[in-house]
Protein backbone atom coordinates (compact mmCIF):
# COMPACT_ATOMS: atom_id res chain seq x y z
CA MET A 1 84.31 61.87 90.86
CA GLY A 2 83.72 63.93 94.01
CA ARG A 3 85.63 61.53 96.23
CA THR A 4 88.75 62.67 98.02
CA SER A 5 91.17 60.32 99.60
CA VAL A 6 92.49 60.63 103.13
CA LYS A 7 95.93 61.54 101.73
CA ASP A 8 94.45 64.40 99.70
CA LYS A 9 92.62 65.70 102.75
CA ILE A 10 95.78 65.57 104.92
CA ASN A 11 97.84 67.32 102.23
CA LYS A 12 95.15 70.00 101.86
CA ASP A 13 95.12 70.56 105.63
CA LYS A 14 98.94 70.90 105.66
CA THR A 15 98.99 73.44 102.83
CA ASP A 16 96.13 75.42 104.42
CA LYS A 17 98.05 75.50 107.70
CA GLN A 18 101.26 76.62 105.94
CA ASN A 19 99.39 79.36 104.05
CA ASN A 20 97.79 80.61 107.28
CA GLU A 21 101.18 80.65 109.02
CA GLN A 22 102.75 82.62 106.16
CA GLU A 23 99.95 85.19 106.31
CA ASP A 24 100.59 85.74 110.04
CA TYR A 25 104.13 86.97 109.45
CA VAL A 26 104.77 90.70 109.43
CA PRO A 27 107.73 91.70 107.26
CA PHE A 28 109.94 94.56 108.38
CA LYS A 29 109.12 98.00 106.99
CA SER A 30 112.75 98.86 106.35
CA VAL A 31 116.20 97.34 106.31
CA GLU A 32 117.11 99.45 109.35
CA GLU A 33 114.21 97.97 111.31
CA ALA A 34 115.34 94.47 110.35
CA TRP A 35 118.92 95.31 111.32
CA PHE A 36 118.00 96.65 114.76
CA TRP A 37 115.80 93.58 115.36
CA PHE A 38 118.70 91.34 114.36
CA ILE A 39 121.10 93.15 116.71
CA GLY A 40 118.61 92.85 119.58
CA ALA A 41 118.13 89.15 118.91
CA GLN A 42 121.89 88.59 118.77
CA GLN A 43 122.42 90.46 122.04
CA ALA A 44 119.70 88.40 123.70
CA HIS A 45 121.31 85.23 122.32
CA ASN A 46 124.71 86.31 123.65
CA ASP A 47 123.10 86.90 127.05
CA GLY A 48 121.80 83.33 127.07
CA ALA A 49 118.30 83.64 125.63
CA ARG A 50 117.11 81.05 123.15
CA TYR A 51 115.32 82.11 120.00
CA VAL A 52 112.13 80.20 119.27
CA ALA A 53 110.38 81.07 116.02
CA GLY A 54 106.91 82.55 116.26
CA ILE A 55 106.82 83.25 119.99
CA GLY A 56 107.25 87.06 119.93
CA THR A 57 104.41 89.55 119.90
CA ILE A 58 105.04 90.15 116.19
CA ARG A 59 105.82 87.14 114.05
CA ARG A 60 108.65 87.83 111.65
CA PRO A 61 109.29 86.08 108.31
CA CYS A 62 112.81 85.06 109.30
CA GLU A 63 115.10 84.06 112.10
CA PRO A 64 118.19 86.04 113.10
CA VAL A 65 120.38 83.41 111.46
CA ASP A 66 118.78 84.24 108.09
CA ILE A 67 120.07 87.80 108.26
CA LEU A 68 123.44 86.52 109.45
CA LYS A 69 123.62 84.26 106.38
CA VAL A 70 122.93 87.24 104.10
CA LEU A 71 125.76 89.17 105.77
CA ASP A 72 128.09 86.20 105.48
CA THR A 73 127.30 85.74 101.79
CA LEU A 74 127.85 89.42 101.00
CA TYR A 75 131.08 89.45 102.99
CA ARG A 76 132.40 86.36 101.20
CA LYS A 77 131.55 87.94 97.84
CA ARG A 78 133.34 91.12 98.99
CA ARG A 79 130.19 93.20 98.64
CA LEU A 80 130.45 94.05 102.35
CA LEU A 81 133.80 94.96 103.84
CA ARG A 82 135.06 94.90 107.39
CA ASP A 83 134.30 98.63 107.73
CA HIS A 84 130.66 97.98 106.80
CA LEU A 85 130.32 95.30 109.46
CA LEU A 86 132.02 97.40 112.13
CA VAL A 87 129.77 100.39 111.47
CA LEU A 88 126.64 98.21 111.34
CA ARG A 89 127.58 96.59 114.64
CA HIS A 90 128.54 99.82 116.41
CA TYR A 91 125.42 101.79 115.50
CA GLY A 92 123.22 98.71 115.73
CA ARG A 93 124.21 98.28 119.37
CA ARG A 94 123.29 101.91 119.93
CA TYR A 95 119.93 101.31 118.18
CA MET A 96 120.55 104.48 116.26
CA ALA A 97 121.72 105.12 112.72
CA PRO A 98 124.66 107.48 112.22
CA ASP A 99 123.63 111.11 111.84
CA LEU A 100 124.89 112.95 108.77
CA ARG A 101 124.64 116.26 110.64
CA ARG A 102 127.31 115.20 113.15
CA VAL A 103 130.80 115.75 111.82
CA LYS A 104 132.23 112.67 113.55
CA GLU A 105 129.49 110.44 112.13
CA GLN A 106 129.53 111.57 108.50
CA ARG A 107 131.88 108.87 107.23
CA ALA A 108 129.98 106.24 109.22
CA TYR A 109 126.74 107.51 107.73
CA TYR A 110 127.88 106.83 104.16
CA ILE A 111 129.29 103.42 105.10
CA TRP A 112 126.00 102.60 106.90
CA ARG A 113 123.91 103.62 103.88
CA GLU A 114 126.13 101.71 101.47
CA ALA A 115 125.90 98.55 103.59
CA LEU A 116 122.12 98.73 103.95
CA ASP A 117 121.74 99.45 100.23
CA ARG A 118 123.62 96.22 99.51
CA ILE A 119 121.64 94.18 102.05
CA SER A 120 118.22 95.57 101.11
CA PRO A 121 117.60 93.86 97.72
CA ILE A 122 118.35 90.44 99.17
CA LEU A 123 116.06 90.90 102.17
CA GLU A 124 113.32 92.25 99.89
CA LYS A 125 113.70 89.28 97.54
CA LYS A 126 113.37 86.88 100.48
CA GLY A 127 110.26 88.69 101.76
CA ILE A 128 111.93 89.72 105.02
CA VAL A 129 111.55 93.43 104.23
CA THR A 130 108.62 94.92 102.36
CA GLN A 131 109.54 96.21 98.94
CA SER A 132 109.33 99.96 98.92
CA HIS A 133 107.92 101.79 95.95
CA TRP A 134 110.52 103.50 93.75
CA LEU A 135 109.04 106.93 94.58
CA GLU A 136 109.48 106.31 98.32
CA GLN A 137 113.08 105.28 97.70
CA GLU A 138 113.78 108.50 95.81
CA GLN A 139 112.19 110.61 98.55
CA GLN A 140 114.28 108.84 101.20
CA LYS A 141 117.47 109.46 99.21
CA GLN A 142 116.62 113.14 98.85
CA GLN A 143 115.93 113.50 102.58
CA GLN A 144 119.16 111.71 103.43
CA SER A 145 121.17 113.99 101.19
CA LEU A 146 120.02 117.09 103.07
CA PRO A 147 122.52 118.17 105.73
CA PHE A 148 119.66 119.11 108.09
CA SER A 149 115.88 118.96 108.14
CA TYR A 150 113.66 121.91 107.33
CA GLU A 151 110.57 120.36 108.93
CA GLY A 152 108.87 122.71 111.33
CA ALA A 153 110.91 125.71 110.17
CA GLY A 154 109.08 128.98 109.66
CA ALA A 155 106.10 128.05 111.82
């Protein structure tokens, strides 16, 4: 009754190890954070670095190729257009999102937001990005719709 076979013990050890490894991963807090990480990883790869999963200071729940696959899928389904990819690449290389307050970046800002809004649900579903609470999403949308910030005004 209380006997366990060697196979059962090995399988239990494997699942315990997998569960511990999954708990060590730190998902991204936002889609933008995931995007900038992806761009950095791609630039390092282009410069000759090799990506090895789990070696960084923070273990992530994906590899750069996983985000690339999401982009490819959305592009093939025509949910992301060439303009989306160009804006994501341009501002990703700058490690800075387009600023709505700058006249020359306003169009890019809306394209950037639209692209990240389309990428976000997929990354959240895969556990790559933490799912934000609906109230946080509404607050972010309200802040993004303001042409400039009022923080620190009237001090």
